[in-house]
Amino acid sequence: MKPVAASILLAFSATTWADRLITVPTGTKVFSGHLKLEGLRWQDDDSERAWVTYGVNRSVEVGITYFRPSGETGKLSFDASYNIVSPILDTSPGISVGFLDGANVTPEGRAFYLATTFRLGNDGEYNQDVPTELHFGFWTRKTGLMFVGASLPLSQQVRLVAEHDSKSLTAGVDLRPMKPLSIKLLAREGRPAFGLAWTQKF
């Protein structure tokens, strides 16, 4: 496959997925016309988070956030982002701006952000069709102004993921047994968590 064609395919396949790595935003978006359902459950205290995100067009995505603290009732909020430019493999980063928790109901509070994503091509026998992704950005969170993250593919079906939100480190494995499905096995400072995501085109 020619290098230019390969880069286009890599960019297309990845943009259907990413509006966030685990919880931090990225410089990409859910692909236009796709709906992403995602949930995250912490096993030690039974707290939950969920997101419903829709790619409105090639630049804009909107979403609803569900947050349920341990032993309390759930709360709803909303997010939105604008993808200024998509990442080009080994060339230039993707850049997005947006806000999280517009209703200001989560412990972290409402935040505005700028996120960048760099995609690096891999020349391996197993992961040559999946780029490494590096994420970096700034937000207005009271816990810290910066966030970072990375996704390292071991194969087309297995990725190592990690992020730091200026407060704590979360890391684990992201399993992709089929294209629309993502299963995350995670830990944050010794606290286990389980994540599930499904992306559907409409």
Foldseek 3Di string as FASTA:
>chain_A
DDPVVLQVLQLVLVQCDAQDQQPHGALGHRAAQKWKWKKKAWDPQGWIKIKIKHRNHRFKIKIKIWTGGRPGDIDIFIWMKGWPAPEGEPPAKTKMWIKPRPVQDDPQGIKTKIKIKYWYADDDPFARSHTKIKMKIAMDTPLDGIKIKIWADPHPFKIWIWMDPSHWIKTFMWGPPDSQKIWTWMDIPRTTMIMIMGMDGD
